[in-house]
Amino acid sequence: MATAPATLERVARMSFGQVYPLYLAKLERKGRTQDELDQVITWLTGFDAAQIAEHVAEQTTFAEFFERSTFQPKASLITGIICGVRVEEIDEPLMQRVRYLDKLVDELAKGKAMGKVLRH
């Protein structure tokens, strides 16, 4: 599924540092923790908690964030619908990676066990 160029550009310029607190607030409302959020991000990107904090502080764009990551080879096991779109059908790599992260956060917020979220 193709993403409109304007949408893709907007997402690429979006700051990870602005979105991270939104992910955290969503998870904390559901009784989850920052450590769990960082564990999910670490699994997907290879960044440790200190590196994640640096990206948040530096207001790294999503494009830069995912360019610098060591992306999880098992990410293709992430399937399902997020924001009305099947993540496995997204054509643009950046948009797909952002939606993978959204999907993992959503699964965590819904109470899914960490092992299942991390595709163990």
PDB file of N, CA and C in Angstrom:
ATOM      1  N   MET A   1       0.848  -1.171   0.000  1.00  0.00           N
ATOM      2  CA  MET A   1       0.000   0.000   0.000  1.00  0.00           C
ATOM      3  C   MET A   1       0.898   1.240   0.000  1.00  0.00           C
ATOM      4  N   ALA A   2       0.640   2.114  -0.900  1.00  0.00           N
ATOM      5  CA  ALA A   2       1.436   3.341  -1.025  1.00  0.00           C
ATOM      6  C   ALA A   2       0.943   4.413  -0.064  1.00  0.00           C
ATOM      7  N   THR A   3       1.883   5.218   0.390  1.00  0.00           N
ATOM      8  CA  THR A   3       1.580   6.351   1.269  1.00  0.00           C
ATOM      9  C   THR A   3       1.757   7.623   0.462  1.00  0.00           C
ATOM     10  N   ALA A   4       0.869   8.576   0.654  1.00  0.00           N
ATOM     11  CA  ALA A   4       0.976   9.845  -0.058  1.00  0.00           C
ATOM     12  C   ALA A   4       2.327  10.491   0.249  1.00  0.00           C
ATOM     13  N   PRO A   5       2.988  11.056  -0.769  1.00  0.00           N
ATOM     14  CA  PRO A   5       4.304  11.675  -0.548  1.00  0.00           C
ATOM     15  C   PRO A   5       4.312  12.732   0.553  1.00  0.00           C
ATOM     16  N   ALA A   6       3.277  13.535   0.639  1.00  0.00           N
ATOM     17  CA  ALA A   6       3.225  14.571   1.680  1.00  0.00           C
ATOM     18  C   ALA A   6       3.169  13.944   3.070  1.00  0.00           C
ATOM     19  N   THR A   7       2.427  12.865   3.213  1.00  0.00           N
ATOM     20  CA  THR A   7       2.331  12.164   4.491  1.00  0.00           C
ATOM     21  C   THR A   7       3.671  11.539   4.849  1.00  0.00           C
ATOM     22  N   LEU A   8       4.309  10.922   3.882  1.00  0.00           N
ATOM     23  CA  LEU A   8       5.607  10.296   4.117  1.00  0.00           C
ATOM     24  C   LEU A   8       6.638  11.341   4.546  1.00  0.00           C
ATOM     25  N   GLU A   9       6.639  12.489   3.898  1.00  0.00           N
ATOM     26  CA  GLU A   9       7.571  13.563   4.248  1.00  0.00           C
ATOM     27  C   GLU A   9       7.298  14.085   5.663  1.00  0.00           C
ATOM     28  N   ARG A  10       6.026  14.236   6.004  1.00  0.00           N
ATOM     29  CA  ARG A  10       5.657  14.718   7.344  1.00  0.00           C
ATOM     30  C   ARG A  10       6.124  13.740   8.412  1.00  0.00           C
ATOM     31  N   VAL A  11       5.924  12.457   8.179  1.00  0.00           N
ATOM     32  CA  VAL A  11       6.340  11.439   9.144  1.00  0.00           C
ATOM     33  C   VAL A  11       7.861  11.399   9.251  1.00  0.00           C
ATOM     34  N   ALA A  12       8.561  11.505   8.139  1.00  0.00           N
ATOM     35  CA  ALA A  12      10.026  11.480   8.142  1.00  0.00           C
ATOM     36  C   ALA A  12      10.595  12.618   8.981  1.00  0.00           C
ATOM     37  N   ARG A  13       9.943  13.780   8.951  1.00  0.00           N
ATOM     38  CA  ARG A  13      10.419  14.947   9.699  1.00  0.00           C
ATOM     39  C   ARG A  13       9.932  14.965  11.148  1.00  0.00           C
ATOM     40  N   MET A  14       8.971  14.122  11.473  1.00  0.00           N
ATOM     41  CA  MET A  14       8.421  14.087  12.825  1.00  0.00           C
ATOM     42  C   MET A  14       9.500  13.691  13.825  1.00  0.00           C
ATOM     43  N   SER A  15       9.498  14.336  14.967  1.00  0.00           N
ATOM     44  CA  SER A  15      10.508  14.085  15.984  1.00  0.00           C
ATOM     45  C   SER A  15      10.145  12.873  16.839  1.00  0.00           C
ATOM     46  N   PHE A  16      11.078  11.928  16.929  1.00  0.00           N
ATOM     47  CA  PHE A  16      10.897  10.789  17.816  1.00  0.00           C
ATOM     48  C   PHE A  16      10.724  11.276  19.256  1.00  0.00           C
ATOM     49  N   GLY A  17      11.434  12.343  19.605  1.00  0.00           N
ATOM     50  CA  GLY A  17      11.365  12.908  20.948  1.00  0.00           C
ATOM     51  C   GLY A  17       9.999  13.472  21.304  1.00  0.00           C
ATOM     52  N   GLN A  18       9.212  13.851  20.311  1.00  0.00           N
ATOM     53  CA  GLN A  18       7.858  14.324  20.585  1.00  0.00           C
ATOM     54  C   GLN A  18       6.866  13.170  20.689  1.00  0.00           C
ATOM     55  N   VAL A  19       7.142  12.090  19.993  1.00  0.00           N
ATOM     56  CA  VAL A  19       6.222  10.950  19.982  1.00  0.00           C
ATOM     57  C   VAL A  19       6.463  10.014  21.174  1.00  0.00           C
ATOM     58  N   TYR A  20       7.714   9.874  21.584  1.00  0.00           N
ATOM     59  CA  TYR A  20       8.053   8.975  22.689  1.00  0.00           C
ATOM     60  C   TYR A  20       7.209   9.247  23.945  1.00  0.00           C
ATOM     61  N   PRO A  21       7.066  10.506  24.394  1.00  0.00           N
ATOM     62  CA  PRO A  21       6.235  10.738  25.584  1.00  0.00           C
ATOM     63  C   PRO A  21       4.769  10.349  25.378  1.00  0.00           C
ATOM     64  N   LEU A  22       4.301  10.420  24.145  1.00  0.00           N
ATOM     65  CA  LEU A  22       2.920  10.003  23.859  1.00  0.00           C
ATOM     66  C   LEU A  22       2.785   8.488  23.987  1.00  0.00           C
ATOM     67  N   TYR A  23       3.781   7.765  23.463  1.00  0.00           N
ATOM     68  CA  TYR A  23       3.801   6.306  23.647  1.00  0.00           C
ATOM     69  C   TYR A  23       3.816   5.965  25.132  1.00  0.00           C
ATOM     70  N   LEU A  24       4.685   6.644  25.873  1.00  0.00           N
ATOM     71  CA  LEU A  24       4.832   6.374  27.301  1.00  0.00           C
ATOM     72  C   LEU A  24       3.538   6.659  28.060  1.00  0.00           C
ATOM     73  N   ALA A  25       2.909   7.792  27.773  1.00  0.00           N
ATOM     74  CA  ALA A  25       1.655   8.138  28.450  1.00  0.00           C
ATOM     75  C   ALA A  25       0.576   7.090  28.166  1.00  0.00           C
ATOM     76  N   LYS A  26       0.496   6.637  26.930  1.00  0.00           N
ATOM     77  CA  LYS A  26      -0.486   5.616  26.563  1.00  0.00           C
ATOM     78  C   LYS A  26      -0.256   4.342  27.367  1.00  0.00           C
ATOM     79  N   LEU A  27       1.006   3.933  27.466  1.00  0.00           N
ATOM     80  CA  LEU A  27       1.318   2.698  28.184  1.00  0.00           C
ATOM     81  C   LEU A  27       1.107   2.842  29.687  1.00  0.00           C
ATOM     82  N   GLU A  28       1.498   3.968  30.249  1.00  0.00           N
ATOM     83  CA  GLU A  28       1.329   4.169  31.687  1.00  0.00           C
ATOM     84  C   GLU A  28      -0.156   4.198  32.073  1.00  0.00           C
ATOM     85  N   ARG A  29      -1.004   4.730  31.208  1.00  0.00           N
ATOM     86  CA  ARG A  29      -2.457   4.704  31.470  1.00  0.00           C
ATOM     87  C   ARG A  29      -2.971   3.274  31.561  1.00  0.00           C
ATOM     88  N   LYS A  30      -2.284   2.369  30.878  1.00  0.00           N
ATOM     89  CA  LYS A  30      -2.685   0.961  30.854  1.00  0.00           C
ATOM     90  C   LYS A  30      -1.890   0.109  31.844  1.00  0.00           C
ATOM     91  N   GLY A  31      -1.122   0.776  32.725  1.00  0.00           N
ATOM     92  CA  GLY A  31      -0.389   0.044  33.753  1.00  0.00           C
ATOM     93  C   GLY A  31       0.948  -0.521  33.309  1.00  0.00           C
ATOM     94  N   ARG A  32       1.435  -0.110  32.158  1.00  0.00           N
ATOM     95  CA  ARG A  32       2.737  -0.566  31.677  1.00  0.00           C
ATOM     96  C   ARG A  32       3.797   0.466  32.059  1.00  0.00           C
ATOM     97  N   THR A  33       5.073   0.142  31.856  1.00  0.00           N
ATOM     98  CA  THR A  33       6.157   0.990  32.343  1.00  0.00           C
ATOM     99  C   THR A  33       7.057   1.506  31.222  1.00  0.00           C
ATOM    100  N   GLN A  34       7.881   2.486  31.580  1.00  0.00           N
ATOM    101  CA  GLN A  34       8.867   3.006  30.637  1.00  0.00           C
ATOM    102  C   GLN A  34       9.877   1.920  30.283  1.00  0.00           C
ATOM    103  N   ASP A  35      10.242   1.094  31.249  1.00  0.00           N
ATOM    104  CA  ASP A  35      11.172   0.000  30.971  1.00  0.00           C
ATOM    105  C   ASP A  35      10.610  -0.937  29.900  1.00  0.00           C
ATOM    106  N   GLU A  36       9.312  -1.202  29.962  1.00  0.00           N
ATOM    107  CA  GLU A  36       8.691  -2.062  28.957  1.00  0.00           C
ATOM    108  C   GLU A  36       8.694  -1.389  27.588  1.00  0.00           C
ATOM    109  N   LEU A  37       8.406  -0.091  27.554  1.00  0.00           N
ATOM    110  CA  LEU A  37       8.462   0.646  26.293  1.00  0.00           C
ATOM    111  C   LEU A  37       9.871   0.588  25.721  1.00  0.00           C
ATOM    112  N   ASP A  38      10.869   0.844  26.555  1.00  0.00           N
ATOM    113  CA  ASP A  38      12.254   0.817  26.091  1.00  0.00           C
ATOM    114  C   ASP A  38      12.652  -0.583  25.623  1.00  0.00           C
ATOM    115  N   GLN A  39      12.140  -1.610  26.281  1.00  0.00           N
ATOM    116  CA  GLN A  39      12.440  -2.984  25.871  1.00  0.00           C
ATOM    117  C   GLN A  39      11.909  -3.250  24.462  1.00  0.00           C
ATOM    118  N   VAL A  40      10.716  -2.780  24.179  1.00  0.00           N
ATOM    119  CA  VAL A  40      10.119  -2.954  22.852  1.00  0.00           C
ATOM    120  C   VAL A  40      10.929  -2.183  21.805  1.00  0.00           C
ATOM    121  N   ILE A  41      11.288  -0.951  22.112  1.00  0.00           N
ATOM    122  CA  ILE A  41      12.063  -0.134  21.168  1.00  0.00           C
ATOM    123  C   ILE A  41      13.441  -0.746  20.956  1.00  0.00           C
ATOM    124  N   THR A  42      14.050  -1.256  22.023  1.00  0.00           N
ATOM    125  CA  THR A  42      15.355  -1.909  21.912  1.00  0.00           C
ATOM    126  C   THR A  42      15.267  -3.123  21.006  1.00  0.00           C
ATOM    127  N   TRP A  43      14.251  -3.932  21.188  1.00  0.00           N
ATOM    128  CA  TRP A  43      14.075  -5.123  20.355  1.00  0.00           C
ATOM    129  C   TRP A  43      13.957  -4.734  18.884  1.00  0.00           C
ATOM    130  N   LEU A  44      13.174  -3.704  18.597  1.00  0.00           N
ATOM    131  CA  LEU A  44      12.918  -3.308  17.212  1.00  0.00           C
ATOM    132  C   LEU A  44      14.111  -2.612  16.569  1.00  0.00           C
ATOM    133  N   THR A  45      14.832  -1.799  17.333  1.00  0.00           N
ATOM    134  CA  THR A  45      15.857  -0.923  16.743  1.00  0.00           C
ATOM    135  C   THR A  45      17.291  -1.243  17.116  1.00  0.00           C
ATOM    136  N   GLY A  46      17.502  -1.976  18.196  1.00  0.00           N
ATOM    137  CA  GLY A  46      18.852  -2.242  18.666  1.00  0.00           C
ATOM    138  C   GLY A  46      19.400  -1.167  19.594  1.00  0.00           C
ATOM    139  N   PHE A  47      18.678  -0.066  19.783  1.00  0.00           N
ATOM    140  CA  PHE A  47      19.127   0.992  20.693  1.00  0.00           C
ATOM    141  C   PHE A  47      18.885   0.564  22.137  1.00  0.00           C
ATOM    142  N   ASP A  48      19.849   0.855  23.033  1.00  0.00           N
ATOM    143  CA  ASP A  48      19.616   0.593  24.447  1.00  0.00           C
ATOM    144  C   ASP A  48      18.896   1.797  25.070  1.00  0.00           C
ATOM    145  N   ALA A  49      18.544   1.693  26.343  1.00  0.00           N
ATOM    146  CA  ALA A  49      17.764   2.748  27.007  1.00  0.00           C
ATOM    147  C   ALA A  49      18.483   4.097  26.962  1.00  0.00           C
ATOM    148  N   ALA A  50      19.797   4.102  27.134  1.00  0.00           N
ATOM    149  CA  ALA A  50      20.555   5.357  27.098  1.00  0.00           C
ATOM    150  C   ALA A  50      20.510   5.981  25.705  1.00  0.00           C
ATOM    151  N   GLN A  51      20.624   5.162  24.676  1.00  0.00           N
ATOM    152  CA  GLN A  51      20.560   5.678  23.307  1.00  0.00           C
ATOM    153  C   GLN A  51      19.154   6.194  22.979  1.00  0.00           C
ATOM    154  N   ILE A  52      18.147   5.497  23.469  1.00  0.00           N
ATOM    155  CA  ILE A  52      16.769   5.962  23.261  1.00  0.00           C
ATOM    156  C   ILE A  52      16.605   7.336  23.901  1.00  0.00           C
ATOM    157  N   ALA A  53      17.098   7.494  25.134  1.00  0.00           N
ATOM    158  CA  ALA A  53      17.015   8.782  25.833  1.00  0.00           C
ATOM    159  C   ALA A  53      17.745   9.882  25.056  1.00  0.00           C
ATOM    160  N   GLU A  54      18.875   9.544  24.443  1.00  0.00           N
ATOM    161  CA  GLU A  54      19.610  10.523  23.628  1.00  0.00           C
ATOM    162  C   GLU A  54      18.780  10.963  22.430  1.00  0.00           C
ATOM    163  N   HIS A  55      18.144  10.020  21.762  1.00  0.00           N
ATOM    164  CA  HIS A  55      17.304  10.356  20.607  1.00  0.00           C
ATOM    165  C   HIS A  55      16.125  11.240  21.020  1.00  0.00           C
ATOM    166  N   VAL A  56      15.570  10.957  22.181  1.00  0.00           N
ATOM    167  CA  VAL A  56      14.478  11.784  22.691  1.00  0.00           C
ATOM    168  C   VAL A  56      14.992  13.194  22.959  1.00  0.00           C
ATOM    169  N   ALA A  57      16.114  13.308  23.653  1.00  0.00           N
ATOM    170  CA  ALA A  57      16.678  14.617  23.999  1.00  0.00           C
ATOM    171  C   ALA A  57      17.100  15.404  22.766  1.00  0.00           C
ATOM    172  N   GLU A  58      17.643  14.712  21.765  1.00  0.00           N
ATOM    173  CA  GLU A  58      18.128  15.371  20.553  1.00  0.00           C
ATOM    174  C   GLU A  58      17.003  15.693  19.569  1.00  0.00           C
ATOM    175  N   GLN A  59      15.795  15.212  19.855  1.00  0.00           N
ATOM    176  CA  GLN A  59      14.653  15.413  18.960  1.00  0.00           C
ATOM    177  C   GLN A  59      14.951  14.855  17.557  1.00  0.00           C
ATOM    178  N   THR A  60      15.585  13.686  17.540  1.00  0.00           N
ATOM    179  CA  THR A  60      15.907  13.000  16.292  1.00  0.00           C
ATOM    180  C   THR A  60      14.638  12.771  15.489  1.00  0.00           C
ATOM    181  N   THR A  61      14.701  12.999  14.178  1.00  0.00           N
ATOM    182  CA  THR A  61      13.532  12.728  13.339  1.00  0.00           C
ATOM    183  C   THR A  61      13.351  11.215  13.205  1.00  0.00           C
ATOM    184  N   PHE A  62      12.150  10.801  12.837  1.00  0.00           N
ATOM    185  CA  PHE A  62      11.924   9.374  12.622  1.00  0.00           C
ATOM    186  C   PHE A  62      12.837   8.848  11.517  1.00  0.00           C
ATOM    187  N   ALA A  63      13.057   9.638  10.462  1.00  0.00           N
ATOM    188  CA  ALA A  63      13.945   9.196   9.385  1.00  0.00           C
ATOM    189  C   ALA A  63      15.342   8.919   9.922  1.00  0.00           C
ATOM    190  N   GLU A  64      15.892   9.830  10.692  1.00  0.00           N
ATOM    191  CA  GLU A  64      17.225   9.645  11.271  1.00  0.00           C
ATOM    192  C   GLU A  64      17.240   8.489  12.273  1.00  0.00           C
ATOM    193  N   PHE A  65      16.203   8.419  13.085  1.00  0.00           N
ATOM    194  CA  PHE A  65      16.113   7.385  14.113  1.00  0.00           C
ATOM    195  C   PHE A  65      16.208   5.991  13.488  1.00  0.00           C
ATOM    196  N   PHE A  66      15.412   5.749  12.454  1.00  0.00           N
ATOM    197  CA  PHE A  66      15.424   4.425  11.846  1.00  0.00           C
ATOM    198  C   PHE A  66      16.636   4.205  10.948  1.00  0.00           C
ATOM    199  N   GLU A  67      17.202   5.267  10.362  1.00  0.00           N
ATOM    200  CA  GLU A  67      18.440   5.132   9.584  1.00  0.00           C
ATOM    201  C   GLU A  67      19.586   4.666  10.469  1.00  0.00           C
ATOM    202  N   ARG A  68      19.637   5.152  11.692  1.00  0.00           N
ATOM    203  CA  ARG A  68      20.715   4.828  12.626  1.00  0.00           C
ATOM    204  C   ARG A  68      20.498   3.497  13.347  1.00  0.00           C
ATOM    205  N   SER A  69      19.328   2.936  13.227  1.00  0.00           N
ATOM    206  CA  SER A  69      19.002   1.719  13.973  1.00  0.00           C
ATOM    207  C   SER A  69      19.579   0.470  13.312  1.00  0.00           C
ATOM    208  N   THR A  70      19.656  -0.576  14.115  1.00  0.00           N
ATOM    209  CA  THR A  70      19.941  -1.918  13.624  1.00  0.00           C
ATOM    210  C   THR A  70      18.602  -2.620  13.666  1.00  0.00           C
ATOM    211  N   PHE A  71      17.897  -2.578  12.571  1.00  0.00           N
ATOM    212  CA  PHE A  71      16.501  -3.000  12.570  1.00  0.00           C
ATOM    213  C   PHE A  71      16.357  -4.505  12.748  1.00  0.00           C
ATOM    214  N   GLN A  72      15.409  -4.885  13.577  1.00  0.00           N
ATOM    215  CA  GLN A  72      15.126  -6.271  13.950  1.00  0.00           C
ATOM    216  C   GLN A  72      14.738  -7.102  12.719  1.00  0.00           C
ATOM    217  N   PRO A  73      15.501  -8.176  12.428  1.00  0.00           N
ATOM    218  CA  PRO A  73      15.156  -9.027  11.292  1.00  0.00           C
ATOM    219  C   PRO A  73      13.782  -9.694  11.423  1.00  0.00           C
ATOM    220  N   LYS A  74      13.339  -9.937  12.649  1.00  0.00           N
ATOM    221  CA  LYS A  74      12.039 -10.577  12.859  1.00  0.00           C
ATOM    222  C   LYS A  74      10.861  -9.602  12.771  1.00  0.00           C
ATOM    223  N   ALA A  75      11.125  -8.356  12.433  1.00  0.00           N
ATOM    224  CA  ALA A  75      10.043  -7.365  12.364  1.00  0.00           C
ATOM    225  C   ALA A  75       8.963  -7.767  11.364  1.00  0.00           C
ATOM    226  N   SER A  76       9.333  -8.530  10.359  1.00  0.00           N
ATOM    227  CA  SER A  76       8.332  -8.951   9.373  1.00  0.00           C
ATOM    228  C   SER A  76       7.269  -9.866   9.985  1.00  0.00           C
ATOM    229  N   LEU A  77       7.530 -10.375  11.198  1.00  0.00           N
ATOM    230  CA  LEU A  77       6.529 -11.184  11.897  1.00  0.00           C
ATOM    231  C   LEU A  77       5.423 -10.324  12.501  1.00  0.00           C
ATOM    232  N   ILE A  78       5.633  -9.010  12.528  1.00  0.00           N
ATOM    233  CA  ILE A  78       4.617  -8.086  13.048  1.00  0.00           C
ATOM    234  C   ILE A  78       3.557  -7.915  11.967  1.00  0.00           C
ATOM    235  N   THR A  79       2.355  -8.331  12.295  1.00  0.00           N
ATOM    236  CA  THR A  79       1.253  -8.230  11.342  1.00  0.00           C
ATOM    237  C   THR A  79       0.046  -7.626  12.029  1.00  0.00           C
ATOM    238  N   GLY A  80      -0.906  -7.230  11.245  1.00  0.00           N
ATOM    239  CA  GLY A  80      -2.144  -6.702  11.792  1.00  0.00           C
ATOM    240  C   GLY A  80      -2.409  -5.294  11.305  1.00  0.00           C
ATOM    241  N   ILE A  81      -3.445  -4.726  11.862  1.00  0.00           N
ATOM    242  CA  ILE A  81      -3.914  -3.412  11.426  1.00  0.00           C
ATOM    243  C   ILE A  81      -3.577  -2.363  12.469  1.00  0.00           C
ATOM    244  N   ILE A  82      -3.035  -1.251  11.993  1.00  0.00           N
ATOM    245  CA  ILE A  82      -2.792  -0.082  12.834  1.00  0.00           C
ATOM    246  C   ILE A  82      -3.195   1.132  12.008  1.00  0.00           C
ATOM    247  N   CYS A  83      -3.984   1.984  12.596  1.00  0.00           N
ATOM    248  CA  CYS A  83      -4.484   3.175  11.903  1.00  0.00           C
ATOM    249  C   CYS A  83      -5.212   2.799  10.608  1.00  0.00           C
ATOM    250  N   GLY A  84      -5.904   1.675  10.631  1.00  0.00           N
ATOM    251  CA  GLY A  84      -6.699   1.245   9.487  1.00  0.00           C
ATOM    252  C   GLY A  84      -5.918   0.636   8.337  1.00  0.00           C
ATOM    253  N   VAL A  85      -4.635   0.364   8.543  1.00  0.00           N
ATOM    254  CA  VAL A  85      -3.789  -0.165   7.474  1.00  0.00           C
ATOM    255  C   VAL A  85      -3.071  -1.416   7.971  1.00  0.00           C
ATOM    256  N   ARG A  86      -3.004  -2.432   7.129  1.00  0.00           N
ATOM    257  CA  ARG A  86      -2.241  -3.636   7.463  1.00  0.00           C
ATOM    258  C   ARG A  86      -0.756  -3.308   7.372  1.00  0.00           C
ATOM    259  N   VAL A  87      -0.030  -3.479   8.471  1.00  0.00           N
ATOM    260  CA  VAL A  87       1.386  -3.110   8.500  1.00  0.00           C
ATOM    261  C   VAL A  87       2.211  -3.903   7.486  1.00  0.00           C
ATOM    262  N   GLU A  88       1.827  -5.131   7.235  1.00  0.00           N
ATOM    263  CA  GLU A  88       2.597  -5.956   6.302  1.00  0.00           C
ATOM    264  C   GLU A  88       2.398  -5.540   4.842  1.00  0.00           C
ATOM    265  N   GLU A  89       1.437  -4.673   4.570  1.00  0.00           N
ATOM    266  CA  GLU A  89       1.164  -4.232   3.204  1.00  0.00           C
ATOM    267  C   GLU A  89       1.691  -2.824   2.897  1.00  0.00           C
ATOM    268  N   ILE A  90       2.382  -2.217   3.828  1.00  0.00           N
ATOM    269  CA  ILE A  90       2.918  -0.872   3.620  1.00  0.00           C
ATOM    270  C   ILE A  90       4.177  -0.963   2.761  1.00  0.00           C
ATOM    271  N   ASP A  91       4.217  -0.186   1.681  1.00  0.00           N
ATOM    272  CA  ASP A  91       5.320  -0.256   0.723  1.00  0.00           C
ATOM    273  C   ASP A  91       6.576   0.492   1.168  1.00  0.00           C
ATOM    274  N   GLU A  92       6.422   1.675   1.729  1.00  0.00           N
ATOM    275  CA  GLU A  92       7.571   2.508   2.070  1.00  0.00           C
ATOM    276  C   GLU A  92       8.229   2.001   3.353  1.00  0.00           C
ATOM    277  N   PRO A  93       9.527   1.706   3.322  1.00  0.00           N
ATOM    278  CA  PRO A  93      10.211   1.153   4.494  1.00  0.00           C
ATOM    279  C   PRO A  93      10.094   2.033   5.744  1.00  0.00           C
ATOM    280  N   LEU A  94      10.258   3.336   5.610  1.00  0.00           N
ATOM    281  CA  LEU A  94      10.165   4.202   6.792  1.00  0.00           C
ATOM    282  C   LEU A  94       8.775   4.149   7.400  1.00  0.00           C
ATOM    283  N   MET A  95       7.759   4.289   6.583  1.00  0.00           N
ATOM    284  CA  MET A  95       6.389   4.264   7.092  1.00  0.00           C
ATOM    285  C   MET A  95       6.088   2.910   7.728  1.00  0.00           C
ATOM    286  N   GLN A  96       6.575   1.845   7.126  1.00  0.00           N
ATOM    287  CA  GLN A  96       6.340   0.522   7.695  1.00  0.00           C
ATOM    288  C   GLN A  96       7.020   0.387   9.056  1.00  0.00           C
ATOM    289  N   ARG A  97       8.227   0.905   9.181  1.00  0.00           N
ATOM    290  CA  ARG A  97       8.940   0.819  10.460  1.00  0.00           C
ATOM    291  C   ARG A  97       8.239   1.629  11.547  1.00  0.00           C
ATOM    292  N   VAL A  98       7.754   2.798  11.194  1.00  0.00           N
ATOM    293  CA  VAL A  98       7.002   3.610  12.157  1.00  0.00           C
ATOM    294  C   VAL A  98       5.744   2.865  12.585  1.00  0.00           C
ATOM    295  N   ARG A  99       5.061   2.273  11.639  1.00  0.00           N
ATOM    296  CA  ARG A  99       3.828   1.532  11.959  1.00  0.00           C
ATOM    297  C   ARG A  99       4.126   0.252  12.735  1.00  0.00           C
ATOM    298  N   TYR A 100       5.270  -0.380  12.482  1.00  0.00           N
ATOM    299  CA  TYR A 100       5.667  -1.519  13.308  1.00  0.00           C
ATOM    300  C   TYR A 100       5.793  -1.074  14.766  1.00  0.00           C
ATOM    301  N   LEU A 101       6.453   0.043  14.984  1.00  0.00           N
ATOM    302  CA  LEU A 101       6.616   0.557  16.345  1.00  0.00           C
ATOM    303  C   LEU A 101       5.254   0.880  16.954  1.00  0.00           C
ATOM    304  N   ASP A 102       4.395   1.539  16.186  1.00  0.00           N
ATOM    305  CA  ASP A 102       3.041   1.840  16.670  1.00  0.00           C
ATOM    306  C   ASP A 102       2.311   0.556  17.063  1.00  0.00           C
ATOM    307  N   LYS A 103       2.443  -0.465  16.242  1.00  0.00           N
ATOM    308  CA  LYS A 103       1.755  -1.732  16.490  1.00  0.00           C
ATOM    309  C   LYS A 103       2.272  -2.405  17.763  1.00  0.00           C
ATOM    310  N   LEU A 104       3.581  -2.387  17.969  1.00  0.00           N
ATOM    311  CA  LEU A 104       4.143  -2.981  19.182  1.00  0.00           C
ATOM    312  C   LEU A 104       3.664  -2.248  20.427  1.00  0.00           C
ATOM    313  N   VAL A 105       3.655  -0.920  20.372  1.00  0.00           N
ATOM    314  CA  VAL A 105       3.173  -0.125  21.505  1.00  0.00           C
ATOM    315  C   VAL A 105       1.701  -0.429  21.755  1.00  0.00           C
ATOM    316  N   ASP A 106       0.928  -0.531  20.694  1.00  0.00           N
ATOM    317  CA  ASP A 106      -0.495  -0.835  20.819  1.00  0.00           C
ATOM    318  C   ASP A 106      -0.714  -2.213  21.462  1.00  0.00           C
ATOM    319  N   GLU A 107       0.052  -3.202  21.041  1.00  0.00           N
ATOM    320  CA  GLU A 107      -0.071  -4.541  21.617  1.00  0.00           C
ATOM    321  C   GLU A 107       0.278  -4.533  23.102  1.00  0.00           C
ATOM    322  N   LEU A 108       1.324  -3.811  23.453  1.00  0.00           N
ATOM    323  CA  LEU A 108       1.729  -3.696  24.856  1.00  0.00           C
ATOM    324  C   LEU A 108       0.619  -3.029  25.665  1.00  0.00           C
ATOM    325  N   ALA A 109       0.050  -1.961  25.127  1.00  0.00           N
ATOM    326  CA  ALA A 109      -1.024  -1.239  25.818  1.00  0.00           C
ATOM    327  C   ALA A 109      -2.262  -2.111  26.005  1.00  0.00           C
ATOM    328  N   LYS A 110      -2.481  -3.039  25.089  1.00  0.00           N
ATOM    329  CA  LYS A 110      -3.646  -3.919  25.185  1.00  0.00           C
ATOM    330  C   LYS A 110      -3.415  -5.092  26.140  1.00  0.00           C
ATOM    331  N   GLY A 111      -2.219  -5.119  26.766  1.00  0.00           N
ATOM    332  CA  GLY A 111      -1.960  -6.138  27.771  1.00  0.00           C
ATOM    333  C   GLY A 111      -1.327  -7.413  27.266  1.00  0.00           C
ATOM    334  N   LYS A 112      -0.888  -7.423  26.033  1.00  0.00           N
ATOM    335  CA  LYS A 112      -0.254  -8.616  25.485  1.00  0.00           C
ATOM    336  C   LYS A 112       1.043  -8.896  26.243  1.00  0.00           C
ATOM    337  N   ALA A 113       1.344 -10.148  26.452  1.00  0.00           N
ATOM    338  CA  ALA A 113       2.569 -10.546  27.150  1.00  0.00           C
ATOM    339  C   ALA A 113       3.792 -10.113  26.354  1.00  0.00           C
ATOM    340  N   MET A 114       4.841  -9.706  27.057  1.00  0.00           N
ATOM    341  CA  MET A 114       6.047  -9.200  26.401  1.00  0.00           C
ATOM    342  C   MET A 114       6.627 -10.209  25.420  1.00  0.00           C
ATOM    343  N   GLY A 115       6.648 -11.472  25.788  1.00  0.00           N
ATOM    344  CA  GLY A 115       7.176 -12.505  24.883  1.00  0.00           C
ATOM    345  C   GLY A 115       6.449 -12.530  23.545  1.00  0.00           C
ATOM    346  N   LYS A 116       5.157 -12.341  23.577  1.00  0.00           N
ATOM    347  CA  LYS A 116       4.376 -12.334  22.333  1.00  0.00           C
ATOM    348  C   LYS A 116       4.598 -11.041  21.562  1.00  0.00           C
ATOM    349  N   VAL A 117       4.703  -9.922  22.273  1.00  0.00           N
ATOM    350  CA  VAL A 117       4.959  -8.645  21.606  1.00  0.00           C
ATOM    351  C   VAL A 117       6.290  -8.706  20.873  1.00  0.00           C
ATOM    352  N   LEU A 118       7.293  -9.336  21.501  1.00  0.00           N
ATOM    353  CA  LEU A 118       8.627  -9.429  20.908  1.00  0.00           C
ATOM    354  C   LEU A 118       8.792 -10.631  19.992  1.00  0.00           C
ATOM    355  N   ARG A 119       7.704 -11.304  19.680  1.00  0.00           N
ATOM    356  CA  ARG A 119       7.680 -12.410  18.727  1.00  0.00           C
ATOM    357  C   ARG A 119       8.620 -13.537  19.117  1.00  0.00           C
ATOM    358  N   HIS A 120       8.626 -13.888  20.418  1.00  0.00           N
ATOM    359  CA  HIS A 120       9.439 -15.022  20.885  1.00  0.00           C
ATOM    360  C   HIS A 120       8.659 -16.297  20.755  1.00  0.00           C
TER     361      HIS A 120
END
